[in-house]
Amino acid sequence: MRADRERNVRQKGRAGFSLFLLFLLSSLFLSSCKRASGSGGRKSLRLVVFEDPRLEGGQQALEAIRYAKLSRGTLKLGGEEYELELLEKEPNDPAALQEILEKEKRPAACLGCFRTEETLLLRSALSEQKIPMINGSSVCSYLTREDPWLFRIAASSLLQGTAMANEAYRKGCRNAAILFQEDDPDAAALSECFRSAFLELGGKIAAESSFGEGEITEDGEELKKLLGSLQDQNPDFVYAPSSGKAGISILKAASSLSLSAPIAAGPSWELPSLLKDGEGAAEDCFFSLSCPLPEENEKEEGTEEGGEGNETKGQDESGERETEAESGSSASETEAEAGSGKSGAEAESGSGKSETEAESGRRETIRGYREYLRGKGLSDTVTDTAILAYDSYMLFCDAAEKAGSTEPEKLRSALSHIDYHGLSGEIRFDKERNALRDQVFFVGVEQGEFRNIDSLHF
């Protein structure tokens, strides 16, 4: 009897353990399925974001995309709901790129504000996989001509370089000097477009110099020598497209040399560190952007945004030098012809009731984003980089829903025909996937803060 009872107890124990094991395995399986499908049984849709959060611009872009996802974290495609997942990777990490290109981790698109140097590292592998790139920072005109999967939402080097030449000429400058960073493709492209446009307008290039990353030293002596040699030619304007890091060194050198000519650059100078470390010379510089900075950035008492847009003087857009001219001029012609003679306010928000509602929504988004930044202990200044990064995410969402799919060819077609009204204005693409922008904005420094100072229509 006793032996029978012990045998029954052992059998019941084994049966109980088997049931427990079955329950555990079932739970693990269901948990795995839930993770694969996203929360609430939704499927997961991956977007890769290439940004380096250790850099000022990278952090600005990354936070803007994270905020955009908080606003729009799911999509309905073909009757099914998808949860968006951000794969955040550093653009200069080959291992990270290889990892995300594995079949089970293939992203639907690549987003961010990576510059041309980083784009060149990424585009071959992404294009082979037919993964669209929606880029908010690279300005080199030739990139989109060579890559059918790259969509640029920033104003191109042709547009920004030509606009800067017109702005300098309009201000009465006739004797310009150029100092550009030769190992930065965006800076080189901007300098080429500025040079040809300024000469076409009747101006003169008094002197020109270039430098590389290795010449950007902490004491700034190398750049001081270069800037000093340009100063000897008595320029009335200095165009210095370069990285934000180089910009700080250039401004320090200009301050020590007591350079009287205004200094201008491209969008990479829009960094808070330039205000802090530019040693006062920042007050005399300005740079071009694809969209105006939000007026919400200004103090509560407010100041008016920059002056109304000015009509550009005639510019033959075939004046690009070899690296851009070899790729053809159709994109530049499309960009130059896109303008419709609107004022600055009209270009940003259009006219009529729907545009007024859109502008109200834009202001609310900016206010919400500033609160988000403050909540994370970050500066609440909203930059051009952040605006374009936010738009890259929302643009993808609109295109995917329009296509009803993330199948590569359908998604690319939807992106090509999109008409999106975002924080940076209306975005439509020409046949070479450049945003059809017809206005460039100029931002300067006043009382230690970035301010909209002017704009130029094409």
Protein backbone atom coordinates (compact mmCIF):
# COMPACT_ATOMS: atom_id res chain seq x y z
CA MET A 1 0.00 0.00 0.00
CA ARG A 2 2.71 2.39 0.98
CA ALA A 3 4.64 1.61 -2.21
CA ASP A 4 1.50 2.23 -4.30
CA ARG A 5 0.95 5.62 -2.67
CA GLU A 6 4.55 6.66 -3.32
CA ARG A 7 4.25 5.56 -6.96
CA ASN A 8 1.05 7.58 -7.40
CA VAL A 9 2.68 10.64 -5.85
CA ARG A 10 5.64 10.36 -8.23
CA GLN A 11 3.34 9.98 -11.25
CA LYS A 12 1.29 13.01 -10.23
CA GLY A 13 4.50 14.98 -9.70
CA ARG A 14 5.75 14.06 -13.17
CA ALA A 15 2.38 14.98 -14.70
CA GLY A 16 2.36 18.32 -12.87
CA PHE A 17 5.89 19.11 -14.02
CA SER A 18 4.94 18.24 -17.62
CA LEU A 19 1.97 20.60 -17.48
CA PHE A 20 4.17 23.35 -16.02
CA LEU A 21 6.77 22.82 -18.75
CA LEU A 22 4.08 22.91 -21.44
CA PHE A 23 2.69 26.15 -19.98
CA LEU A 24 6.18 27.71 -19.86
CA LEU A 25 6.98 26.78 -23.48
CA SER A 26 3.61 28.09 -24.65
CA SER A 27 4.20 31.38 -22.84
CA LEU A 28 7.62 31.77 -24.40
CA PHE A 29 6.21 31.01 -27.87
CA LEU A 30 3.41 33.54 -27.50
CA SER A 31 5.84 36.13 -26.16
CA SER A 32 8.11 35.54 -29.15
CA CYS A 33 5.21 35.90 -31.55
CA LYS A 34 4.16 39.13 -29.85
CA ARG A 35 7.66 40.56 -30.14
CA ALA A 36 7.83 39.63 -33.83
CA SER A 37 4.44 41.16 -34.52
CA GLY A 38 4.76 44.26 -32.37
CA SER A 39 2.59 45.21 -29.42
CA GLY A 40 -1.07 44.30 -29.51
CA GLY A 41 -0.46 41.70 -32.23
CA ARG A 42 0.57 44.33 -34.79
CA LYS A 43 3.26 43.61 -37.32
CA SER A 44 6.51 45.51 -36.95
CA LEU A 45 7.76 47.89 -39.65
CA ARG A 46 11.40 48.87 -39.32
CA LEU A 47 12.97 52.21 -40.25
CA VAL A 48 16.70 52.69 -39.98
CA VAL A 49 17.94 56.06 -38.72
CA PHE A 50 21.60 56.80 -39.34
CA GLU A 51 22.67 59.49 -36.88
CA ASP A 52 25.52 59.92 -34.41
CA PRO A 53 23.95 61.19 -31.15
CA ARG A 54 27.37 62.35 -29.91
CA LEU A 55 27.35 65.10 -32.55
CA GLU A 56 25.15 68.19 -32.18
CA GLY A 57 23.45 67.79 -35.55
CA GLY A 58 23.04 64.04 -35.05
CA GLN A 59 21.34 64.51 -31.71
CA GLN A 60 19.01 67.17 -33.14
CA ALA A 61 17.93 64.90 -36.00
CA LEU A 62 17.55 61.81 -33.82
CA GLU A 63 15.38 63.55 -31.23
CA ALA A 64 13.15 65.02 -33.94
CA ILE A 65 12.55 61.58 -35.48
CA ARG A 66 11.86 60.08 -32.03
CA TYR A 67 9.32 62.82 -31.41
CA ALA A 68 7.72 62.22 -34.80
CA LYS A 69 7.31 58.54 -33.89
CA LEU A 70 5.55 59.52 -30.66
CA SER A 71 3.05 61.45 -32.80
CA ARG A 72 2.61 58.74 -35.41
CA GLY A 73 3.77 55.34 -34.24
CA THR A 74 1.54 53.08 -36.35
CA LEU A 75 0.46 52.80 -39.99
CA LYS A 76 -2.42 51.02 -41.71
CA LEU A 77 -1.28 49.33 -44.89
CA GLY A 78 -3.53 47.05 -46.92
CA GLY A 79 -6.01 46.67 -44.07
CA GLU A 80 -3.34 45.70 -41.53
CA GLU A 81 -1.90 47.82 -38.75
CA TYR A 82 1.88 48.10 -38.42
CA GLU A 83 3.91 49.38 -35.51
CA LEU A 84 6.90 51.47 -36.55
CA GLU A 85 10.26 50.51 -35.06
CA LEU A 86 13.35 52.73 -35.23
CA LEU A 87 16.72 51.06 -35.76
CA GLU A 88 19.15 53.75 -34.60
CA LYS A 89 22.65 53.26 -36.00
CA GLU A 90 25.77 55.33 -36.45
CA PRO A 91 26.44 56.08 -40.13
CA ASN A 92 30.16 55.25 -40.03
CA ASP A 93 29.72 51.75 -38.58
CA PRO A 94 29.98 49.13 -41.40
CA ALA A 95 29.02 46.31 -39.02
CA ALA A 96 25.77 48.07 -38.15
CA LEU A 97 24.91 48.48 -41.83
CA GLN A 98 25.58 44.80 -42.52
CA GLU A 99 23.41 43.81 -39.58
CA ILE A 100 20.36 45.75 -40.69
CA LEU A 101 20.61 44.44 -44.24
CA GLU A 102 20.09 40.85 -43.10
CA LYS A 103 16.87 39.63 -44.64
CA GLU A 104 14.91 39.28 -41.40
CA LYS A 105 15.89 42.80 -40.33
CA ARG A 106 15.47 44.58 -43.66
CA PRO A 107 14.17 48.15 -43.05
CA ALA A 108 11.45 49.71 -45.18
CA ALA A 109 13.40 52.97 -45.53
CA CYS A 110 16.43 54.89 -44.32
CA LEU A 111 15.82 58.30 -42.71
CA GLY A 112 17.89 61.12 -41.30
CA CYS A 113 20.02 64.17 -41.88
CA PHE A 114 23.28 62.55 -42.94
CA ARG A 115 25.64 64.54 -45.10
CA THR A 116 27.04 63.56 -48.51
CA GLU A 117 30.14 61.90 -47.09
CA GLU A 118 27.95 59.53 -45.06
CA THR A 119 25.47 59.10 -47.92
CA LEU A 120 28.27 57.85 -50.17
CA LEU A 121 29.14 55.20 -47.57
CA LEU A 122 25.57 53.97 -47.29
CA ARG A 123 23.93 54.33 -50.66
CA SER A 124 25.44 51.40 -52.57
CA ALA A 125 24.33 48.73 -50.10
CA LEU A 126 20.94 50.35 -49.54
CA SER A 127 20.28 50.77 -53.27
CA GLU A 128 21.12 47.13 -53.93
CA GLN A 129 18.42 46.20 -51.44
CA LYS A 130 16.05 48.79 -52.97
CA ILE A 131 15.73 50.66 -49.68
CA PRO A 132 14.69 54.31 -50.20
CA MET A 133 16.79 56.96 -48.45
CA ILE A 134 15.02 60.16 -47.41
CA ASN A 135 17.81 62.60 -46.68
CA GLY A 136 17.47 66.00 -45.05
CA SER A 137 21.09 67.24 -45.08
CA SER A 138 23.09 66.16 -48.12
CA VAL A 139 23.12 69.03 -50.64
CA CYS A 140 25.33 67.75 -53.51
CA SER A 141 23.24 68.02 -56.66
CA TYR A 142 24.79 65.03 -58.41
CA LEU A 143 23.84 62.47 -55.73
CA THR A 144 20.19 62.05 -56.66
CA ARG A 145 21.05 61.91 -60.35
CA GLU A 146 23.20 58.86 -59.71
CA ASP A 147 20.98 57.03 -57.19
CA PRO A 148 17.35 56.18 -58.06
CA TRP A 149 16.56 55.35 -54.42
CA LEU A 150 17.74 58.62 -52.87
CA PHE A 151 15.22 61.41 -52.13
CA ARG A 152 16.60 64.78 -51.04
CA ILE A 153 14.33 67.12 -49.06
CA ALA A 154 16.95 69.83 -48.39
CA ALA A 155 17.63 72.60 -50.89
CA SER A 156 20.49 71.46 -53.15
CA SER A 157 23.98 72.91 -53.43
CA LEU A 158 22.97 74.54 -56.72
CA LEU A 159 20.06 76.36 -55.12
CA GLN A 160 21.88 77.36 -51.92
CA GLY A 161 25.16 78.35 -53.61
CA THR A 162 23.36 80.41 -56.25
CA ALA A 163 21.15 82.04 -53.62
CA MET A 164 24.19 83.00 -51.52
CA ALA A 165 25.89 84.57 -54.55
CA ASN A 166 22.76 86.60 -55.28
CA GLU A 167 22.47 87.66 -51.64
CA ALA A 168 26.10 88.81 -51.54
CA TYR A 169 25.72 90.72 -54.81
CA ARG A 170 22.45 92.29 -53.65
CA LYS A 171 24.24 93.55 -50.53
CA GLY A 172 26.72 95.39 -52.75
CA CYS A 173 29.60 92.88 -52.53
CA ARG A 174 31.66 92.64 -55.72
CA ASN A 175 35.00 91.25 -54.54
CA ALA A 176 34.43 87.89 -52.83
CA ALA A 177 36.88 85.38 -51.36
CA ILE A 178 36.19 81.65 -50.94
CA LEU A 179 37.56 79.42 -48.19
CA PHE A 180 36.08 75.91 -48.28
CA GLN A 181 36.68 72.48 -46.77
CA GLU A 182 37.88 70.33 -49.64
CA ASP A 183 37.30 66.94 -47.96
CA ASP A 184 33.66 67.81 -47.25
CA PRO A 185 31.70 67.09 -50.49
CA ASP A 186 28.83 69.37 -49.49
CA ALA A 187 31.18 72.28 -48.81
CA ALA A 188 33.02 71.73 -52.09
CA ALA A 189 29.73 71.63 -54.04
CA LEU A 190 28.45 74.81 -52.40
CA SER A 191 31.68 76.66 -53.20
CA GLU A 192 31.50 75.61 -56.88
CA CYS A 193 27.92 76.81 -57.26
CA PHE A 194 28.61 80.09 -55.44
CA ARG A 195 31.69 80.78 -57.59
CA SER A 196 29.97 80.28 -60.95
CA ALA A 197 26.86 82.23 -59.91
CA PHE A 198 28.83 85.15 -58.48
CA LEU A 199 30.97 85.43 -61.61
CA GLU A 200 27.88 85.25 -63.80
CA LEU A 201 26.38 88.16 -61.88
CA GLY A 202 29.47 90.25 -62.64
CA GLY A 203 31.32 89.83 -59.36
CA LYS A 204 34.99 88.94 -58.93
CA ILE A 205 36.62 86.13 -56.95
CA ALA A 206 39.54 87.98 -55.35
CA ALA A 207 41.10 84.91 -53.76
CA GLU A 208 40.31 81.27 -53.05
CA SER A 209 41.73 78.72 -50.63
CA SER A 210 40.81 75.29 -49.31
CA PHE A 211 41.71 73.14 -46.33
CA GLY A 212 41.20 69.63 -45.00
CA GLU A 213 40.06 68.11 -41.72
CA GLY A 214 43.68 67.82 -40.54
CA GLU A 215 44.11 71.60 -40.68
CA ILE A 216 41.27 72.22 -38.21
CA THR A 217 43.41 72.51 -35.10
CA GLU A 218 42.45 73.55 -31.58
CA ASP A 219 44.54 76.71 -31.72
CA GLY A 220 43.19 77.54 -35.20
CA GLU A 221 46.60 78.64 -36.46
CA GLU A 222 46.39 76.88 -39.84
CA LEU A 223 43.03 78.41 -40.70
CA LYS A 224 44.22 81.76 -39.40
CA LYS A 225 47.07 81.70 -41.95
CA LEU A 226 44.69 80.84 -44.79
CA LEU A 227 42.18 83.49 -43.77
CA GLY A 228 44.98 86.03 -43.39
CA SER A 229 46.14 85.42 -46.97
CA LEU A 230 42.57 85.97 -48.19
CA GLN A 231 42.31 89.14 -46.13
CA ASP A 232 45.36 90.54 -47.93
CA GLN A 233 43.24 90.66 -51.12
CA ASN A 234 40.73 93.01 -49.44
CA PRO A 235 37.55 90.99 -50.09
CA ASP A 236 34.20 92.55 -49.21
CA PHE A 237 32.63 89.11 -48.64
CA VAL A 238 34.01 85.70 -47.54
CA TYR A 239 32.15 82.50 -48.41
CA ALA A 240 33.37 79.66 -46.18
CA PRO A 241 31.25 76.51 -46.59
CA SER A 242 32.58 73.89 -44.18
CA SER A 243 31.66 71.70 -41.22
CA GLY A 244 30.38 73.24 -37.99
CA LYS A 245 33.66 72.32 -36.30
CA ALA A 246 35.63 74.18 -38.98
CA GLY A 247 33.20 77.09 -38.75
CA ILE A 248 34.10 77.68 -35.11
CA SER A 249 37.81 77.76 -35.98
CA ILE A 250 37.19 80.12 -38.91
CA LEU A 251 35.23 82.52 -36.71
CA LYS A 252 37.94 82.46 -34.05
CA ALA A 253 40.53 83.25 -36.72
CA ALA A 254 38.37 86.05 -38.13
CA SER A 255 38.03 87.54 -34.66
CA SER A 256 41.78 87.52 -34.02
CA LEU A 257 42.46 89.05 -37.46
CA SER A 258 39.75 91.72 -37.00
CA LEU A 259 38.35 90.71 -40.39
CA SER A 260 35.86 93.34 -41.51
CA ALA A 261 34.20 91.43 -44.37
CA PRO A 262 31.05 89.44 -43.53
CA ILE A 263 31.48 85.64 -43.47
CA ALA A 264 28.82 83.31 -44.87
CA ALA A 265 28.47 79.54 -45.07
CA GLY A 266 26.07 76.67 -45.64
CA PRO A 267 23.60 74.89 -43.32
CA SER A 268 26.21 72.95 -41.32
CA TRP A 269 27.00 76.10 -39.30
CA GLU A 270 23.61 75.98 -37.59
CA LEU A 271 25.00 74.63 -34.29
CA PRO A 272 24.60 76.04 -30.76
CA SER A 273 28.34 75.52 -30.19
CA LEU A 274 29.05 78.10 -32.90
CA LEU A 275 27.27 80.72 -30.80
CA LYS A 276 29.17 79.74 -27.68
CA ASP A 277 32.66 79.21 -29.12
CA GLY A 278 32.76 81.65 -32.07
CA GLU A 279 34.33 84.37 -29.90
CA GLY A 280 32.06 87.21 -30.97
CA ALA A 281 32.72 86.84 -34.70
CA ALA A 282 29.47 84.87 -35.00
CA GLU A 283 27.61 88.19 -34.88
CA ASP A 284 29.01 89.01 -38.32
CA CYS A 285 28.25 85.69 -40.02
CA PHE A 286 25.18 84.24 -41.70
CA PHE A 287 24.34 81.04 -43.55
CA SER A 288 21.73 79.48 -45.81
CA LEU A 289 18.98 77.04 -44.83
CA SER A 290 16.21 75.13 -46.57
CA CYS A 291 13.50 76.54 -44.30
CA PRO A 292 13.18 79.41 -41.85
CA LEU A 293 13.76 78.84 -38.15
CA PRO A 294 10.48 78.79 -36.19
CA GLU A 295 9.57 82.15 -34.69
CA GLU A 296 8.81 80.21 -31.49
CA ASN A 297 12.59 80.01 -30.98
CA GLU A 298 12.67 83.74 -30.30
CA LYS A 299 12.11 85.38 -26.95
CA GLU A 300 8.53 85.64 -25.75
CA GLU A 301 8.38 89.33 -26.45
CA GLY A 302 9.18 88.33 -30.07
CA THR A 303 10.91 89.99 -32.97
CA GLU A 304 9.84 89.97 -36.56
CA GLU A 305 11.22 87.33 -38.82
CA GLY A 306 13.61 88.37 -41.54
CA GLY A 307 12.76 90.61 -44.43
CA GLU A 308 10.60 89.61 -47.30
CA GLY A 309 12.06 87.46 -50.02
CA ASN A 310 13.94 89.20 -52.82
CA GLU A 311 13.73 88.23 -56.42
CA THR A 312 16.96 86.66 -57.62
CA LYS A 313 19.01 88.22 -60.36
CA GLY A 314 19.35 86.14 -63.52
CA GLN A 315 21.67 83.21 -63.18
CA ASP A 316 22.76 80.79 -65.87
CA GLU A 317 22.57 77.53 -63.98
CA SER A 318 24.88 75.70 -66.35
CA GLY A 319 27.84 77.39 -64.64
CA GLU A 320 28.62 74.49 -62.28
CA ARG A 321 32.20 73.26 -62.43
CA GLU A 322 33.12 69.78 -63.57
CA THR A 323 32.04 67.62 -60.65
CA GLU A 324 28.45 68.86 -60.86
CA ALA A 325 28.28 69.83 -64.53
CA GLU A 326 29.25 66.32 -65.70
CA SER A 327 26.02 64.96 -64.25
CA GLY A 328 23.76 67.17 -66.37
CA SER A 329 21.69 70.22 -65.59
CA SER A 330 18.09 69.01 -65.65
CA ALA A 331 17.69 69.01 -61.86
CA SER A 332 19.04 72.52 -61.56
CA GLU A 333 16.73 73.78 -64.29
CA THR A 334 13.75 72.21 -62.57
CA GLU A 335 14.66 73.77 -59.24
CA ALA A 336 15.17 77.23 -60.72
CA GLU A 337 11.84 77.12 -62.57
CA ALA A 338 9.83 75.88 -59.59
CA GLY A 339 9.20 79.29 -58.01
CA SER A 340 5.89 81.05 -58.45
CA GLY A 341 6.76 84.54 -57.22
CA LYS A 342 5.16 84.08 -53.80
CA SER A 343 6.12 86.15 -50.78
CA GLY A 344 7.98 84.46 -47.93
CA ALA A 345 4.79 83.90 -45.93
CA GLU A 346 2.94 82.48 -48.93
CA ALA A 347 5.78 80.12 -49.79
CA GLU A 348 5.69 78.67 -46.32
CA SER A 349 1.98 78.34 -45.71
CA GLY A 350 0.17 78.96 -49.01
CA SER A 351 -3.21 80.67 -49.01
CA GLY A 352 -6.77 79.92 -48.02
CA LYS A 353 -8.42 78.10 -45.14
CA SER A 354 -6.63 74.75 -45.42
CA GLU A 355 -3.19 76.41 -45.41
CA THR A 356 -4.14 78.46 -42.34
CA GLU A 357 -5.09 75.26 -40.55
CA ALA A 358 -1.82 73.70 -41.68
CA GLU A 359 0.13 76.64 -40.25
CA SER A 360 -1.74 76.32 -36.95
CA GLY A 361 -0.85 72.63 -36.85
CA ARG A 362 2.77 73.46 -37.60
CA ARG A 363 2.95 75.88 -34.67
CA GLU A 364 1.37 73.33 -32.35
CA THR A 365 3.89 70.69 -33.44
CA ILE A 366 6.79 73.07 -32.81
CA ARG A 367 5.45 73.93 -29.36
CA GLY A 368 5.01 70.27 -28.49
CA TYR A 369 8.50 69.43 -29.70
CA ARG A 370 10.02 72.21 -27.60
CA GLU A 371 8.24 70.85 -24.52
CA TYR A 372 9.57 67.39 -25.39
CA LEU A 373 13.13 68.75 -25.59
CA ARG A 374 12.82 70.57 -22.28
CA GLY A 375 11.49 67.40 -20.69
CA LYS A 376 14.70 65.64 -21.72
CA GLY A 377 16.88 68.41 -20.33
CA LEU A 378 17.93 69.59 -23.82
CA SER A 379 17.96 73.01 -25.46
CA ASP A 380 14.49 73.81 -26.79
CA THR A 381 15.82 75.65 -29.85
CA VAL A 382 14.32 74.01 -32.95
CA THR A 383 16.84 73.81 -35.78
CA ASP A 384 16.58 73.41 -39.54
CA THR A 385 18.16 69.95 -39.08
CA ALA A 386 15.44 68.90 -36.64
CA ILE A 387 12.66 70.19 -38.91
CA LEU A 388 13.97 68.30 -41.94
CA ALA A 389 14.52 65.11 -39.90
CA TYR A 390 10.93 65.30 -38.60
CA ASP A 391 9.68 65.77 -42.16
CA SER A 392 11.70 62.77 -43.41
CA TYR A 393 9.77 60.52 -41.00
CA MET A 394 6.34 61.97 -41.72
CA LEU A 395 7.01 61.98 -45.46
CA PHE A 396 7.72 58.25 -45.33
CA CYS A 397 4.49 57.63 -43.39
CA ASP A 398 2.40 59.54 -45.93
CA ALA A 399 4.05 57.76 -48.86
CA ALA A 400 3.66 54.29 -47.32
CA GLU A 401 -0.03 54.85 -46.62
CA LYS A 402 -0.54 56.22 -50.11
CA ALA A 403 1.18 53.15 -51.58
CA GLY A 404 -0.69 50.82 -49.20
CA SER A 405 2.52 48.85 -49.02
CA THR A 406 6.24 49.03 -48.32
CA GLU A 407 7.04 46.96 -51.40
CA PRO A 408 10.08 48.85 -52.76
CA GLU A 409 8.82 49.84 -56.21
CA LYS A 410 5.39 50.89 -54.91
CA LEU A 411 6.95 52.91 -52.12
CA ARG A 412 9.38 54.64 -54.46
CA SER A 413 6.55 55.52 -56.84
CA ALA A 414 4.49 56.96 -53.98
CA LEU A 415 7.45 59.03 -52.79
CA SER A 416 8.05 60.29 -56.34
CA HIS A 417 4.46 61.59 -56.59
CA ILE A 418 3.99 62.78 -53.01
CA ASP A 419 2.59 66.22 -52.20
CA TYR A 420 3.44 66.65 -48.54
CA HIS A 421 2.89 69.75 -46.40
CA GLY A 422 5.35 69.57 -43.53
CA LEU A 423 7.20 71.70 -41.02
CA SER A 424 9.68 72.78 -43.72
CA GLY A 425 6.94 73.70 -46.20
CA GLU A 426 5.49 71.89 -49.19
CA ILE A 427 7.57 68.97 -50.47
CA ARG A 428 7.20 67.57 -53.97
CA PHE A 429 9.97 65.93 -55.96
CA ASP A 430 11.26 66.54 -59.48
CA LYS A 431 12.16 63.65 -61.79
CA GLU A 432 15.56 63.33 -60.12
CA ARG A 433 14.05 63.17 -56.62
CA ASN A 434 15.08 66.66 -55.48
CA ALA A 435 12.53 68.55 -53.42
CA LEU A 436 11.05 71.31 -55.57
CA ARG A 437 12.09 74.17 -53.34
CA ASP A 438 11.96 77.70 -54.74
CA GLN A 439 13.20 79.65 -51.74
CA VAL A 440 16.38 79.78 -49.65
CA PHE A 441 16.46 81.34 -46.18
CA PHE A 442 19.31 83.21 -44.54
CA VAL A 443 19.93 83.02 -40.81
CA GLY A 444 22.30 85.26 -38.88
CA VAL A 445 23.30 85.82 -35.27
CA GLU A 446 21.83 88.68 -33.25
CA GLN A 447 22.53 89.13 -29.54
CA GLY A 448 23.89 85.63 -29.27
CA GLU A 449 20.89 83.93 -30.92
CA PHE A 450 20.13 82.64 -34.41
CA ARG A 451 17.64 84.86 -36.23
CA ASN A 452 15.91 84.72 -39.62
CA ILE A 453 17.26 87.72 -41.50
CA ASP A 454 16.27 87.32 -45.15
CA SER A 455 15.08 84.97 -47.87
CA LEU A 456 15.45 84.68 -51.63
CA HIS A 457 12.91 83.42 -54.19
CA PHE A 458 13.68 81.67 -57.45
